[in-house]
Structures are given as C-alpha cells and as structure tokens.
C-alpha cells in the first residue's frame, strides 16, 4: 500500500516528537532534512539534464 503524505501532515505528526526530542535527536533530524534538500535539488538537476539531452537528441535527428 502506497500512502503519500502532504508536508502539512508530516509537520503535524512531528510536532509532539520534535518538542520532546533531545538535542542529539534534533541534530539527526536536521541532517535528514539537509540531505533531503540535497536530494531534491539533485533530482531537479537530473531532470534538467534529461530535458536538455532529449532536446539536443531531437535536434540532431
């Protein structure tokens, strides 16, 4: 079963956990957020590269 969550649902679910988390837990969570942002940016860059490649391949044909 695949269930997609909205950012709001995730934030609401994390509120109590974050408020009760230790500094070490919050540091770990921050690292996860940072890596998620990097992954999202890399995905955007990859999408642009594929679009560029596709466009240049069509022009060469």
Protein backbone atom coordinates (compact mmCIF):
# COMPACT_ATOMS: atom_id res chain seq x y z
CA UNK A 1 0.00 0.00 0.00
CA UNK A 2 1.43 3.35 -1.06
CA UNK A 3 0.41 6.36 1.01
CA UNK A 4 1.55 9.84 0.13
CA UNK A 5 1.74 12.43 2.88
CA UNK A 6 1.50 16.17 2.48
CA UNK A 7 4.10 18.38 4.08
CA UNK A 8 1.42 19.65 6.45
CA UNK A 9 0.54 16.10 7.56
CA UNK A 10 4.20 15.34 8.19
CA UNK A 11 4.68 18.57 10.15
CA UNK A 12 1.59 17.95 12.27
CA UNK A 13 2.74 14.42 13.01
CA UNK A 14 6.22 15.54 14.03
CA UNK A 15 5.23 18.42 16.30
CA UNK A 16 4.99 16.46 19.55
CA UNK A 17 8.03 14.35 18.75
CA UNK A 18 10.14 17.40 17.97
CA UNK A 19 9.05 19.24 21.10
CA UNK A 20 10.08 16.28 23.26
CA UNK A 21 13.25 15.40 21.34
CA UNK A 22 16.75 15.69 22.72
CA UNK A 23 19.36 17.93 21.13
CA UNK A 24 21.02 14.83 19.66
CA UNK A 25 17.73 13.71 18.10
CA UNK A 26 17.17 17.17 16.62
CA UNK A 27 20.68 17.22 15.16
CA UNK A 28 19.99 13.88 13.48
CA UNK A 29 16.67 15.14 12.18
CA UNK A 30 18.38 18.26 10.82
CA UNK A 31 20.86 16.08 8.94
CA UNK A 32 17.97 14.14 7.41
CA UNK A 33 16.30 17.40 6.32
CA UNK A 34 19.59 18.71 4.86
CA UNK A 35 20.16 15.51 2.88
CA UNK A 36 16.55 15.54 1.68
CA UNK A 37 17.04 19.06 0.34
CA UNK A 38 20.23 17.99 -1.44
CA UNK A 39 18.42 15.01 -2.93
CA UNK A 40 15.57 17.22 -4.14
CA UNK A 41 17.99 19.64 -5.79
CA UNK A 42 19.88 16.76 -7.41
CA UNK A 43 16.59 15.41 -8.75
CA UNK A 44 15.78 18.81 -10.26
CA UNK A 45 19.25 18.98 -11.83
CA UNK A 46 18.91 15.46 -13.23
CA UNK A 47 15.51 16.35 -14.71
CA UNK A 48 17.03 19.41 -16.41
CA UNK A 49 19.89 17.29 -17.79
CA UNK A 50 17.46 14.73 -19.21
CA UNK A 51 15.35 17.50 -20.76
CA UNK A 52 18.47 19.07 -22.29
CA UNK A 53 19.68 15.74 -23.62
CA UNK A 54 16.28 14.91 -25.06
CA UNK A 55 16.05 18.31 -26.74
CA UNK A 56 19.56 18.06 -28.21
CA UNK A 57 18.91 14.48 -29.42
CA UNK A 58 15.75 15.55 -31.20
CA UNK A 59 17.58 18.44 -32.87
CA UNK A 60 20.34 16.09 -34.12
CA UNK A 61 17.82 13.69 -35.66
